Amino acid sequence: MAALRQGCRAEARERAQRLANLRPDHPRLADLEVLVMGLGLPAEPPVDPADHLAVVEERLVPVAERRLGKHAPDYLVPQWRALADRLFCAPFDPDRPRLHDSYAALRAEDWHRAYVSVVGEDGWWRQPVLVSRRLLAGEALGDDDEIFPDWCRLCWAFPETARERLAEDTRLGRACRHLLELDPPWAVADLPAWYALACGEEIEPPPELADGPDASLLEDVSVLVAEGVVWNAPDEELLEYRRRLQSRHPALFELYLSLYGG
């Protein structure tokens, strides 16, 4: 199996042939032949990129994970990189979202490439799949300046996709998941404001959504977060922010009082 992990096609083919000669009925022989075939895939891919994706995703991935276990990424990452190279500059098609450089780059855990691929698409913020991919890349890169605007995009414009992401082991998911389990649950659109308040984060809304009501709520919360703990009498401007938050979202206002004082 070392030859497979290291991409040594000739050695892997020789070992597979030796096993076929000695034990043609060996239970692992068919899987071994699939993996040996895969080593030649980057150099000799199918004509149609969709067929290339299908071979990697439907044949190589399950066999590699079954036979190579924790070493499967050593075998699979070059496969995904080769596919990403082939899809380089291919336009995003929402009807075939996996046939895009960003998808293959994420599977290869090439986070920077996935990010660049997404933002290279005109109007990427209108596609929930691309916003989600940029978010995943940003989280892996630890880029807070990009993570939070993308969470806002999902929560405000694509709540169903946001729910899917929140169910995963992501930063905001771990923090906010319990709010969706309350009775009644919090609205997905309110989660960025809750996170800003609960975690003391000043979050800039994405520019294309900055004029909406959700962004306005987030702005009010961010002002109050920036003000910090106010034990003395606040000025009239701050009082207006507090009154507005109390009127718009009583639950957030209660959280604000519990965290920052009356």
Protein backbone atom coordinates (compact mmCIF):
# COMPACT_ATOMS: atom_id res chain seq x y z
CA MET A 1 0.00 0.00 0.00
CA ALA A 2 3.01 2.33 0.42
CA ALA A 3 3.43 2.43 -3.36
CA LEU A 4 -0.15 3.65 -3.71
CA ARG A 5 0.26 6.35 -1.07
CA GLN A 6 3.46 7.55 -2.69
CA GLY A 7 2.05 7.49 -6.21
CA CYS A 8 4.52 4.88 -7.51
CA ARG A 9 2.41 3.56 -10.36
CA ALA A 10 4.88 1.02 -11.77
CA GLU A 11 5.57 -0.54 -8.39
CA ALA A 12 1.89 -0.62 -7.46
CA ARG A 13 0.99 -2.23 -10.79
CA GLU A 14 3.71 -4.85 -10.31
CA ARG A 15 2.44 -5.72 -6.84
CA ALA A 16 -1.14 -5.95 -8.10
CA GLN A 17 -0.05 -8.26 -10.92
CA ARG A 18 1.90 -10.44 -8.51
CA LEU A 19 -1.13 -10.75 -6.27
CA ALA A 20 -3.34 -11.58 -9.27
CA ASN A 21 -0.96 -14.36 -10.29
CA LEU A 22 -0.73 -15.80 -6.77
CA ARG A 23 -4.28 -15.24 -5.54
CA PRO A 24 -6.67 -14.38 -8.37
CA ASP A 25 -9.55 -14.74 -5.91
CA HIS A 26 -8.04 -12.44 -3.27
CA PRO A 27 -10.83 -10.28 -1.77
CA ARG A 28 -8.78 -7.08 -2.04
CA LEU A 29 -7.58 -7.57 -5.59
CA ALA A 30 -10.43 -5.67 -7.27
CA ASP A 31 -9.93 -2.67 -5.00
CA LEU A 32 -6.19 -2.74 -5.56
CA GLU A 33 -6.71 -2.70 -9.32
CA VAL A 34 -9.02 0.32 -9.01
CA LEU A 35 -6.41 2.22 -7.02
CA VAL A 36 -3.64 1.30 -9.47
CA MET A 37 -5.85 2.51 -12.31
CA GLY A 38 -6.34 5.78 -10.44
CA LEU A 39 -2.63 6.50 -10.33
CA GLY A 40 -2.71 6.98 -14.08
CA LEU A 41 -5.82 9.15 -14.05
CA PRO A 42 -4.13 12.58 -13.71
CA ALA A 43 -2.01 11.93 -16.82
CA GLU A 44 -4.74 10.19 -18.82
CA PRO A 45 -8.11 11.56 -17.67
CA PRO A 46 -11.44 10.94 -19.38
CA VAL A 47 -12.31 13.39 -22.13
CA ASP A 48 -15.32 14.79 -20.28
CA PRO A 49 -14.48 16.49 -16.95
CA ALA A 50 -17.78 15.19 -15.57
CA ASP A 51 -16.58 11.64 -16.16
CA HIS A 52 -13.27 12.52 -14.50
CA LEU A 53 -15.12 13.79 -11.43
CA ALA A 54 -17.30 10.68 -11.34
CA VAL A 55 -14.28 8.36 -11.39
CA VAL A 56 -12.60 10.21 -8.53
CA GLU A 57 -15.70 10.71 -6.42
CA GLU A 58 -17.57 7.45 -7.02
CA ARG A 59 -14.73 4.96 -7.52
CA LEU A 60 -11.46 6.20 -6.06
CA VAL A 61 -12.71 7.95 -2.91
CA PRO A 62 -14.68 5.03 -1.41
CA VAL A 63 -12.01 2.46 -2.27
CA ALA A 64 -9.16 4.63 -0.96
CA GLU A 65 -10.99 5.34 2.28
CA ARG A 66 -11.81 1.66 2.72
CA ARG A 67 -8.34 0.30 1.94
CA LEU A 68 -5.96 3.08 2.94
CA GLY A 69 -7.77 4.40 6.01
CA LYS A 70 -6.02 7.39 7.56
CA HIS A 71 -3.54 7.39 4.65
CA ALA A 72 -6.29 7.90 2.07
CA PRO A 73 -5.56 11.66 1.73
CA ASP A 74 -2.01 10.84 0.57
CA TYR A 75 -3.58 9.08 -2.39
CA LEU A 76 -6.61 11.30 -2.96
CA VAL A 77 -5.19 14.82 -2.65
CA PRO A 78 -3.17 14.51 -5.90
CA GLN A 79 -6.33 13.28 -7.61
CA TRP A 80 -8.30 16.32 -6.49
CA ARG A 81 -5.46 18.67 -7.41
CA ALA A 82 -5.30 17.23 -10.91
CA LEU A 83 -9.04 17.71 -11.29
CA ALA A 84 -8.79 21.28 -9.96
CA ASP A 85 -6.07 21.99 -12.53
CA ARG A 86 -8.34 20.71 -15.25
CA LEU A 87 -11.24 22.85 -14.09
CA PHE A 88 -9.11 25.98 -13.75
CA CYS A 89 -10.99 28.98 -15.21
CA ALA A 90 -14.07 26.86 -15.99
CA PRO A 91 -17.10 29.07 -15.21
CA PHE A 92 -19.33 28.10 -12.33
CA ASP A 93 -22.53 26.36 -13.40
CA PRO A 94 -25.18 26.21 -10.63
CA ASP A 95 -26.69 23.18 -12.35
CA ARG A 96 -23.34 21.34 -12.01
CA PRO A 97 -21.79 22.97 -8.94
CA ARG A 98 -19.15 20.30 -8.32
CA LEU A 99 -17.59 20.83 -11.75
CA HIS A 100 -15.69 23.86 -10.51
CA ASP A 101 -12.16 24.51 -9.41
CA SER A 102 -13.35 25.60 -5.94
CA TYR A 103 -14.94 22.22 -5.19
CA ALA A 104 -11.89 20.17 -6.17
CA ALA A 105 -9.61 22.60 -4.31
CA LEU A 106 -11.65 22.19 -1.12
CA ARG A 107 -11.48 18.42 -1.43
CA ALA A 108 -7.70 18.75 -1.82
CA GLU A 109 -7.68 21.01 1.28
CA ASP A 110 -6.06 23.73 -0.79
CA TRP A 111 -7.89 26.49 1.06
CA HIS A 112 -6.24 29.48 -0.58
CA ARG A 113 -6.90 28.14 -4.06
CA ALA A 114 -10.55 27.48 -3.19
CA TYR A 115 -10.93 31.03 -1.90
CA VAL A 116 -9.33 32.57 -4.99
CA SER A 117 -11.45 30.38 -7.25
CA VAL A 118 -14.67 31.57 -5.61
CA VAL A 119 -13.90 35.28 -5.66
CA GLY A 120 -12.85 35.02 -9.27
CA GLU A 121 -16.46 34.36 -10.23
CA ASP A 122 -18.55 37.40 -11.13
CA GLY A 123 -21.36 37.82 -8.61
CA TRP A 124 -20.16 34.89 -6.47
CA TRP A 125 -22.13 36.26 -3.51
CA ARG A 126 -25.36 35.47 -5.35
CA GLN A 127 -24.59 31.74 -5.32
CA PRO A 128 -25.07 30.05 -1.93
CA VAL A 129 -22.76 27.20 -2.93
CA LEU A 130 -19.90 29.61 -3.62
CA VAL A 131 -20.54 31.66 -0.47
CA SER A 132 -20.48 28.45 1.52
CA ARG A 133 -17.21 27.34 -0.08
CA ARG A 134 -15.58 30.70 0.58
CA LEU A 135 -16.73 30.44 4.18
CA LEU A 136 -15.21 26.98 4.58
CA ALA A 137 -11.94 28.17 3.05
CA GLY A 138 -11.92 31.26 5.26
CA GLU A 139 -12.50 29.21 8.40
CA ALA A 140 -9.64 26.89 7.48
CA LEU A 141 -7.39 29.90 6.87
CA GLY A 142 -8.52 31.59 10.11
CA ASP A 143 -9.53 34.77 8.29
CA ASP A 144 -12.11 36.45 10.53
CA ASP A 145 -12.45 39.45 8.21
CA GLU A 146 -13.90 37.11 5.59
CA ILE A 147 -15.67 34.57 7.79
CA PHE A 148 -18.21 36.89 9.39
CA PRO A 149 -19.42 38.67 6.24
CA ASP A 150 -19.92 35.27 4.63
CA TRP A 151 -21.94 34.09 7.62
CA CYS A 152 -24.07 37.20 7.22
CA ARG A 153 -24.59 36.40 3.54
CA LEU A 154 -25.76 32.90 4.32
CA CYS A 155 -27.93 33.81 7.31
CA TRP A 156 -29.62 36.75 5.59
CA ALA A 157 -29.87 35.68 1.96
CA PHE A 158 -29.66 31.86 2.07
CA PRO A 159 -31.02 30.67 5.43
CA GLU A 160 -31.41 27.03 4.39
CA THR A 161 -27.75 26.84 3.38
CA ALA A 162 -26.90 28.58 6.65
CA ARG A 163 -28.74 25.88 8.59
CA GLU A 164 -26.71 23.21 6.81
CA ARG A 165 -23.45 24.96 7.69
CA LEU A 166 -24.56 25.57 11.29
CA ALA A 167 -25.11 21.83 11.71
CA GLU A 168 -21.42 21.27 10.98
CA ASP A 169 -18.49 21.73 13.33
CA THR A 170 -17.86 25.35 12.44
CA ARG A 171 -17.07 28.27 14.71
CA LEU A 172 -20.47 29.91 14.43
CA GLY A 173 -22.18 26.53 14.38
CA ARG A 174 -20.74 25.58 17.76
CA ALA A 175 -21.72 28.94 19.21
CA CYS A 176 -25.22 29.34 17.79
CA ARG A 177 -26.60 25.87 17.20
CA HIS A 178 -28.48 25.82 20.49
CA LEU A 179 -30.49 28.90 19.50
CA LEU A 180 -32.12 26.96 16.68
CA GLU A 181 -33.19 24.27 19.15
CA LEU A 182 -35.13 26.61 21.43
CA ASP A 183 -38.92 26.75 21.43
CA PRO A 184 -39.55 28.94 19.56
CA PRO A 185 -36.20 28.90 17.74
CA TRP A 186 -34.32 32.05 16.89
CA ALA A 187 -34.53 33.27 13.32
CA VAL A 188 -31.43 32.38 11.33
CA ALA A 189 -31.16 36.01 10.20
CA ASP A 190 -30.66 37.11 13.84
CA LEU A 191 -27.67 34.85 14.52
CA PRO A 192 -24.91 37.23 13.34
CA ALA A 193 -26.24 39.93 15.71
CA TRP A 194 -26.43 37.42 18.57
CA TYR A 195 -22.89 36.27 17.89
CA ALA A 196 -21.57 39.84 17.74
CA LEU A 197 -23.17 40.60 21.10
CA ALA A 198 -22.44 37.34 22.90
CA CYS A 199 -18.82 37.11 21.72
CA GLY A 200 -17.99 40.81 21.71
CA GLU A 201 -17.29 40.90 17.97
CA GLU A 202 -17.68 44.03 15.85
CA ILE A 203 -18.87 42.57 12.54
CA GLU A 204 -18.97 44.52 9.31
CA PRO A 205 -21.94 43.51 7.14
CA PRO A 206 -21.23 42.58 3.52
CA PRO A 207 -21.50 45.69 1.33
CA GLU A 208 -24.19 44.32 -0.99
CA LEU A 209 -26.51 43.74 2.01
CA ALA A 210 -25.53 46.79 4.07
CA ASP A 211 -28.81 48.63 3.50
CA GLY A 212 -31.11 45.85 4.71
CA PRO A 213 -32.86 45.52 8.07
CA ASP A 214 -30.64 42.64 9.21
CA ALA A 215 -27.55 44.76 8.64
CA SER A 216 -29.17 47.62 10.54
CA LEU A 217 -29.74 45.35 13.55
CA LEU A 218 -26.16 44.14 13.38
CA GLU A 219 -24.93 47.74 13.20
CA ASP A 220 -26.88 48.67 16.34
CA VAL A 221 -25.47 45.70 18.20
CA SER A 222 -21.94 46.46 17.01
CA VAL A 223 -22.20 50.02 18.33
CA LEU A 224 -23.27 48.71 21.72
CA VAL A 225 -20.50 46.12 21.72
CA ALA A 226 -17.94 48.80 20.91
CA GLU A 227 -19.25 50.91 23.77
CA GLY A 228 -18.53 48.08 26.19
CA VAL A 229 -19.73 47.94 29.79
CA VAL A 230 -21.58 51.11 30.68
CA TRP A 231 -22.12 51.50 34.38
CA ASN A 232 -22.46 55.28 34.31
CA ALA A 233 -25.34 57.11 32.71
CA PRO A 234 -24.95 56.75 28.92
CA ASP A 235 -25.35 59.72 26.60
CA GLU A 236 -28.51 60.30 24.60
CA GLU A 237 -27.13 58.73 21.41
CA LEU A 238 -26.29 55.49 23.18
CA LEU A 239 -29.67 55.51 24.91
CA GLU A 240 -31.30 55.73 21.51
CA TYR A 241 -29.38 52.66 20.33
CA ARG A 242 -30.51 50.81 23.44
CA ARG A 243 -34.14 51.84 23.04
CA ARG A 244 -34.07 50.79 19.41
CA LEU A 245 -32.60 47.40 20.23
CA GLN A 246 -35.17 46.87 22.99
CA SER A 247 -37.97 47.64 20.58
CA ARG A 248 -36.62 45.62 17.66
CA HIS A 249 -35.37 42.53 19.47
CA PRO A 250 -36.23 42.16 23.18
CA ALA A 251 -34.25 38.93 23.53
CA LEU A 252 -31.08 40.56 22.21
CA PHE A 253 -31.67 43.53 24.48
CA GLU A 254 -31.94 41.24 27.51
CA LEU A 255 -28.68 39.61 26.50
CA TYR A 256 -27.07 43.01 26.15
CA LEU A 257 -28.16 44.01 29.67
CA SER A 258 -26.90 40.74 31.14
CA LEU A 259 -23.50 41.12 29.48
CA TYR A 260 -22.87 44.86 29.58
CA GLY A 261 -24.86 46.18 32.50
CA GLY A 262 -27.82 48.45 32.81
